[in-house]
Amino acid sequence: MRDSYISFETEVESMKSDVALRIEEARKMLEDAERALEEGRFEECCVSSCYAIFHTVRALASAMDIGTKTVEDAVHVVCLHKDEIGLSREDCSKIYRAVDIKSEIDGGYMRRVTKEVAERSLEDAKVIFEKAVKFIEGA
């Protein structure tokens, strides 16, 4: 019986560690995105903003103890639980927009990232991050 309790404690600590690690990575990506925007590197700002959202979403899934294998899985799971987390439909649109933007950049479909797109991506990432931190701290 004691071994299963230790195993459960280890799992909980591992989950907390994963959440903290992903939130810290998201925070770093937000800082990188802000710096890139200030320096006029709009594509880099978008990419960093998207990764901030992806780390945030993975942290949320982990905080809810829902195992996901891919970012896309985590996005779908988080948006299915949006009400529980405190996200709106608009917030989920922001998350899905990040997936689309990153896909377009990676695929070479987005020819030029404008300052406006970069600013919007960064603002979206900040909103999702702040709501996620609020949820995680209350969990």
Protein backbone atom coordinates (compact mmCIF):
# COMPACT_ATOMS: atom_id res chain seq x y z
CA MET A 1 0.00 0.00 0.00
CA ARG A 2 2.80 2.42 0.90
CA ASP A 3 4.48 1.86 -2.50
CA SER A 4 1.36 2.92 -4.39
CA TYR A 5 1.14 6.06 -2.22
CA ILE A 6 4.77 6.92 -3.02
CA SER A 7 4.11 6.28 -6.71
CA PHE A 8 1.10 8.63 -6.61
CA GLU A 9 3.16 11.31 -4.82
CA THR A 10 5.86 10.96 -7.47
CA GLU A 11 3.29 11.33 -10.26
CA VAL A 12 1.81 14.45 -8.66
CA GLU A 13 5.24 16.03 -8.21
CA SER A 14 6.15 15.17 -11.80
CA MET A 15 2.92 16.77 -13.03
CA LYS A 16 3.58 19.93 -10.99
CA SER A 17 7.12 20.02 -12.34
CA ASP A 18 5.90 19.71 -15.94
CA VAL A 19 3.38 22.51 -15.42
CA ALA A 20 6.00 24.79 -13.87
CA LEU A 21 8.51 24.01 -16.62
CA ARG A 22 6.01 24.74 -19.40
CA ILE A 23 4.84 27.98 -17.76
CA GLU A 24 8.45 29.10 -17.43
CA GLU A 25 9.10 28.27 -21.09
CA ALA A 26 5.98 30.21 -22.08
CA ARG A 27 7.17 33.18 -20.05
CA LYS A 28 10.54 33.08 -21.83
CA MET A 29 8.84 32.88 -25.22
CA LEU A 30 6.74 35.94 -24.34
CA GLU A 31 9.89 37.85 -23.42
CA ASP A 32 11.52 36.78 -26.69
CA ALA A 33 8.41 37.85 -28.64
CA GLU A 34 8.36 41.28 -26.99
CA ARG A 35 12.04 41.80 -27.74
CA ALA A 36 11.58 40.69 -31.35
CA LEU A 37 8.63 43.05 -31.80
CA GLU A 38 10.63 45.98 -30.39
CA GLU A 39 13.46 45.18 -32.81
CA GLY A 40 11.16 44.88 -35.83
CA ARG A 41 11.60 41.12 -36.25
CA PHE A 42 7.92 40.45 -36.82
CA GLU A 43 8.10 36.84 -37.98
CA GLU A 44 10.22 35.91 -34.98
CA CYS A 45 7.70 37.69 -32.75
CA CYS A 46 4.89 35.58 -34.22
CA VAL A 47 6.79 32.34 -33.85
CA SER A 48 7.73 33.07 -30.24
CA SER A 49 4.15 34.13 -29.46
CA CYS A 50 2.82 30.90 -30.95
CA TYR A 51 5.27 28.82 -28.94
CA ALA A 52 4.26 30.73 -25.80
CA ILE A 53 0.67 29.70 -26.46
CA PHE A 54 1.68 26.10 -27.17
CA HIS A 55 3.66 25.81 -23.90
CA THR A 56 0.77 27.44 -22.03
CA VAL A 57 -1.77 25.03 -23.50
CA ARG A 58 0.41 22.03 -22.65
CA ALA A 59 0.75 23.36 -19.08
CA LEU A 60 -3.04 23.64 -18.82
CA ALA A 61 -3.56 20.08 -20.05
CA SER A 62 -0.95 18.83 -17.61
CA ALA A 63 -2.47 20.83 -14.73
CA MET A 64 -5.80 19.15 -15.49
CA ASP A 65 -3.99 15.78 -15.45
CA ILE A 66 -4.92 15.13 -19.08
CA GLY A 67 -2.14 13.46 -21.00
CA THR A 68 -1.71 14.69 -24.54
CA LYS A 69 0.84 13.57 -27.09
CA THR A 70 0.80 16.58 -29.40
CA VAL A 71 0.19 20.30 -29.19
CA GLU A 72 -2.86 19.84 -31.39
CA ASP A 73 -4.30 17.31 -28.92
CA ALA A 74 -3.64 19.70 -26.05
CA VAL A 75 -5.32 22.56 -27.94
CA HIS A 76 -8.46 20.49 -28.55
CA VAL A 77 -8.60 19.23 -24.96
CA VAL A 78 -8.09 22.69 -23.47
CA CYS A 79 -10.78 24.20 -25.67
CA LEU A 80 -13.18 21.38 -24.76
CA HIS A 81 -12.62 22.34 -21.10
CA LYS A 82 -12.57 26.09 -21.75
CA ASP A 83 -15.39 26.89 -19.30
CA GLU A 84 -13.68 25.00 -16.48
CA ILE A 85 -10.41 26.80 -17.20
CA GLY A 86 -11.98 30.23 -17.59
CA LEU A 87 -11.37 30.65 -21.30
CA SER A 88 -13.90 32.11 -23.71
CA ARG A 89 -14.71 31.04 -27.26
CA GLU A 90 -12.66 34.05 -28.38
CA ASP A 91 -9.70 32.74 -26.37
CA CYS A 92 -9.97 29.39 -28.13
CA SER A 93 -10.04 31.24 -31.44
CA LYS A 94 -6.78 32.91 -30.41
CA ILE A 95 -5.26 29.52 -29.65
CA TYR A 96 -6.39 28.05 -32.97
CA ARG A 97 -5.15 31.17 -34.77
CA ALA A 98 -1.69 30.53 -33.29
CA VAL A 99 -1.75 26.99 -34.70
CA ASP A 100 -2.72 28.38 -38.11
CA ILE A 101 -0.10 31.14 -38.10
CA LYS A 102 2.67 28.75 -37.09
CA SER A 103 1.58 26.31 -39.81
CA GLU A 104 1.55 29.07 -42.43
CA ILE A 105 5.01 30.31 -41.41
CA ASP A 106 6.46 26.78 -41.37
CA GLY A 107 4.86 25.95 -44.72
CA GLY A 108 6.09 29.16 -46.33
CA TYR A 109 2.53 30.30 -47.05
CA MET A 110 2.78 33.50 -45.06
CA ARG A 111 4.93 35.66 -47.29
CA ARG A 112 5.40 38.61 -44.99
CA VAL A 113 4.46 39.02 -41.35
CA THR A 114 3.31 42.56 -40.72
CA LYS A 115 3.73 44.53 -37.53
CA GLU A 116 -0.02 44.28 -36.95
CA VAL A 117 0.00 40.48 -37.17
CA ALA A 118 2.97 40.33 -34.81
CA GLU A 119 1.31 42.67 -32.31
CA ARG A 120 -1.93 40.69 -32.39
CA SER A 121 -0.10 37.39 -31.95
CA LEU A 122 1.79 38.72 -28.95
CA GLU A 123 -1.36 40.18 -27.38
CA ASP A 124 -3.19 36.86 -27.91
CA ALA A 125 -0.34 34.98 -26.23
CA LYS A 126 -0.35 37.33 -23.24
CA VAL A 127 -4.12 36.94 -22.74
CA ILE A 128 -3.97 33.13 -22.87
CA PHE A 129 -0.91 33.05 -20.60
CA GLU A 130 -2.49 35.31 -17.95
CA LYS A 131 -5.71 33.28 -17.86
CA ALA A 132 -3.77 30.02 -17.68
CA VAL A 133 -1.63 31.21 -14.78
CA LYS A 134 -4.75 32.33 -12.93
CA PHE A 135 -6.33 28.89 -13.46
CA ILE A 136 -3.17 27.00 -12.50
CA GLU A 137 -2.60 29.05 -9.35
CA GLY A 138 -6.19 28.37 -8.29
CA ALA A 139 -5.96 24.63 -8.98
